[in-house]
Amino acid sequence: MHRCLLGAPGERAWTPVVAAAAAKILREHGVRVALLPADYRGTYVVDAAVFIHFDGISPHCTSAASIGYPRRSYAKAAQSWKRFYGEKFPFGFRPDNFTSGLRHYYAYRQTRARDGAFVLELGEITCPKQRAWLAPRLHWLGAEIAAWVSALIGKGNVPAP
């Protein structure tokens, strides 16, 4: 039986680094970005909403990258992320929306996203091999997200890193 951890060790330190890198790149390419903490207030109307996370699970090394979204209409965009990131991330992907948290992420209620709202689990940081791969790539992960979001919303023309 798997037990998910709330806020995997290191997630709270890594997530802001990745988010800030993505936001900086998007802004440099003329895309307006709202960079908010996980417990933001209000409702946002956006082209796309991306909630960045790292998975933590026990037993360790039983997960990988994953994506969640609240509507079936976002599945095509989710597949584009899996192709884009999956070409580089060597540990694979779990099925879309494989947990209730991915399917029913609390912040989905606070966003109205034209092109999609997504939880991106970038890998399992409780797995030593994945953690070692992810740790030196935090800024690169932000660049990956920025390029994908730019293509998804058709704004900014951010090149892939």
Protein backbone atom coordinates (compact mmCIF):
# COMPACT_ATOMS: atom_id res chain seq x y z
CA MET A 1 0.00 0.00 0.00
CA HIS A 2 1.28 3.47 -0.91
CA ARG A 3 1.13 6.34 1.51
CA CYS A 4 1.55 9.83 0.07
CA LEU A 5 3.47 12.35 2.13
CA LEU A 6 2.22 15.90 2.52
CA GLY A 7 4.93 18.27 1.37
CA ALA A 8 7.74 15.88 0.55
CA PRO A 9 11.12 16.79 2.09
CA GLY A 10 12.61 19.46 -0.14
CA GLU A 11 9.42 20.24 -2.06
CA ARG A 12 8.80 23.52 -0.27
CA ALA A 13 12.34 24.64 -1.06
CA TRP A 14 12.45 23.46 -4.67
CA THR A 15 9.02 24.52 -5.89
CA PRO A 16 9.58 28.30 -5.54
CA VAL A 17 12.89 28.02 -7.41
CA VAL A 18 11.25 26.26 -10.36
CA ALA A 19 8.23 28.58 -10.33
CA ALA A 20 10.38 31.73 -10.19
CA ALA A 21 12.53 30.50 -13.09
CA ALA A 22 9.45 29.77 -15.22
CA ALA A 23 7.85 33.12 -14.36
CA LYS A 24 11.04 35.06 -15.12
CA ILE A 25 11.43 33.48 -18.54
CA LEU A 26 7.78 33.95 -19.45
CA ARG A 27 7.91 37.60 -18.37
CA GLU A 28 11.08 38.17 -20.40
CA HIS A 29 9.07 37.00 -23.41
CA GLY A 30 6.16 39.35 -22.73
CA VAL A 31 3.80 36.91 -21.02
CA ARG A 32 1.92 38.18 -17.97
CA VAL A 33 2.38 35.84 -15.02
CA ALA A 34 0.71 35.63 -11.62
CA LEU A 35 3.19 33.87 -9.34
CA LEU A 36 1.27 32.91 -6.22
CA PRO A 37 1.78 30.77 -3.13
CA ALA A 38 -0.16 27.51 -2.92
CA ASP A 39 -2.73 29.00 -0.55
CA TYR A 40 -3.61 32.08 -2.61
CA ARG A 41 -6.93 33.86 -2.23
CA GLY A 42 -9.32 34.94 -4.93
CA THR A 43 -10.15 33.64 -8.37
CA TYR A 44 -7.97 34.07 -11.43
CA VAL A 45 -9.02 34.08 -15.07
CA VAL A 46 -5.99 32.93 -17.04
CA ASP A 47 -4.87 31.32 -20.25
CA ALA A 48 -3.29 28.45 -18.30
CA ALA A 49 -2.73 27.59 -14.65
CA VAL A 50 0.23 25.44 -13.65
CA PHE A 51 0.66 24.16 -10.10
CA ILE A 52 4.22 22.89 -9.61
CA HIS A 53 4.94 19.99 -7.27
CA PHE A 54 7.33 17.15 -6.57
CA ASP A 55 6.01 13.80 -5.49
CA GLY A 56 6.86 12.21 -2.17
CA ILE A 57 5.75 8.70 -1.43
CA SER A 58 6.42 5.74 0.82
CA PRO A 59 7.69 3.27 -0.10
CA HIS A 60 10.28 5.33 -1.93
CA CYS A 61 10.96 4.97 -5.65
CA THR A 62 7.44 3.83 -6.49
CA SER A 63 6.35 6.96 -8.32
CA ALA A 64 7.57 9.20 -11.13
CA ALA A 65 6.40 12.34 -12.90
CA SER A 66 2.66 12.82 -13.27
CA ILE A 67 0.07 15.32 -14.35
CA GLY A 68 -3.38 16.14 -13.08
CA TYR A 69 -6.20 18.23 -14.49
CA PRO A 70 -9.88 18.75 -13.68
CA ARG A 71 -11.47 18.46 -17.13
CA ARG A 72 -11.28 15.91 -19.91
CA SER A 73 -10.92 18.77 -22.38
CA TYR A 74 -7.43 19.38 -20.94
CA ALA A 75 -6.21 15.84 -21.72
CA LYS A 76 -4.70 16.75 -25.10
CA ALA A 77 -2.62 19.51 -23.53
CA ALA A 78 -1.59 17.12 -20.75
CA GLN A 79 -0.33 14.67 -23.36
CA SER A 80 1.74 17.44 -24.92
CA TRP A 81 3.43 18.03 -21.53
CA LYS A 82 4.11 14.33 -21.14
CA ARG A 83 5.74 14.20 -24.60
CA PHE A 84 7.70 17.41 -23.99
CA TYR A 85 9.01 16.58 -20.51
CA GLY A 86 8.98 12.82 -20.99
CA GLU A 87 11.63 13.07 -23.72
CA LYS A 88 14.10 14.25 -21.08
CA PHE A 89 12.86 12.89 -17.73
CA PRO A 90 14.34 9.37 -17.53
CA PHE A 91 12.01 7.92 -14.87
CA GLY A 92 8.70 7.83 -16.72
CA PHE A 93 5.19 8.99 -15.93
CA ARG A 94 2.36 7.72 -13.83
CA PRO A 95 -1.10 7.71 -15.44
CA ASP A 96 -2.91 11.05 -15.70
CA ASN A 97 -4.96 11.93 -12.62
CA PHE A 98 -3.81 8.77 -10.85
CA THR A 99 -4.58 10.23 -7.42
CA SER A 100 -7.57 12.08 -6.07
CA GLY A 101 -5.25 15.00 -5.31
CA LEU A 102 -4.34 15.32 -8.97
CA ARG A 103 -7.95 15.05 -10.13
CA HIS A 104 -9.43 17.33 -7.48
CA TYR A 105 -6.59 19.71 -6.61
CA TYR A 106 -8.03 22.44 -4.38
CA ALA A 107 -6.76 25.38 -6.45
CA TYR A 108 -8.67 24.27 -9.55
CA ARG A 109 -11.74 25.86 -7.93
CA GLN A 110 -9.95 29.22 -7.92
CA THR A 111 -8.99 29.32 -11.58
CA ARG A 112 -10.80 29.77 -14.83
CA ALA A 113 -8.25 28.60 -17.37
CA ARG A 114 -8.87 28.86 -21.10
CA ASP A 115 -6.19 26.38 -22.17
CA GLY A 116 -5.99 24.25 -19.04
CA ALA A 117 -5.24 23.96 -15.36
CA PHE A 118 -2.60 21.40 -14.44
CA VAL A 119 -0.75 19.98 -11.47
CA LEU A 120 2.73 19.08 -12.67
CA GLU A 121 4.44 16.54 -10.43
CA LEU A 122 7.98 16.82 -11.78
CA GLY A 123 9.29 13.63 -10.19
CA GLU A 124 9.60 11.78 -6.90
CA ILE A 125 12.05 13.57 -4.63
CA THR A 126 11.84 10.82 -2.01
CA CYS A 127 13.58 8.53 -4.52
CA PRO A 128 17.36 9.09 -4.31
CA LYS A 129 17.96 8.52 -8.05
CA GLN A 130 15.20 10.92 -9.10
CA ARG A 131 16.22 13.47 -6.48
CA ALA A 132 19.82 13.36 -7.71
CA TRP A 133 18.64 13.90 -11.29
CA LEU A 134 16.25 16.73 -10.38
CA ALA A 135 18.40 18.68 -7.89
CA PRO A 136 20.84 20.28 -10.38
CA ARG A 137 18.04 21.00 -12.88
CA LEU A 138 15.65 23.28 -10.97
CA HIS A 139 16.22 26.32 -13.21
CA TRP A 140 16.09 24.10 -16.29
CA LEU A 141 12.76 22.70 -15.06
CA GLY A 142 11.46 26.27 -14.93
CA ALA A 143 12.65 26.81 -18.49
CA GLU A 144 10.91 23.59 -19.58
CA ILE A 145 7.65 24.72 -18.03
CA ALA A 146 7.98 28.20 -19.54
CA ALA A 147 8.53 26.82 -23.04
CA TRP A 148 5.60 24.41 -22.73
CA VAL A 149 3.23 27.04 -21.32
CA SER A 150 4.26 29.49 -24.03
CA ALA A 151 3.44 26.95 -26.75
CA LEU A 152 0.22 25.94 -25.01
CA ILE A 153 -1.17 29.46 -24.81
CA GLY A 154 0.37 30.70 -28.06
CA LYS A 155 2.16 33.62 -26.43
CA GLY A 156 5.79 34.58 -25.91
CA ASN A 157 7.44 32.17 -28.31
CA VAL A 158 9.69 30.83 -25.53
CA PRO A 159 12.25 28.40 -26.96
CA ALA A 160 12.79 25.02 -25.38
CA PRO A 161 15.92 24.98 -23.21
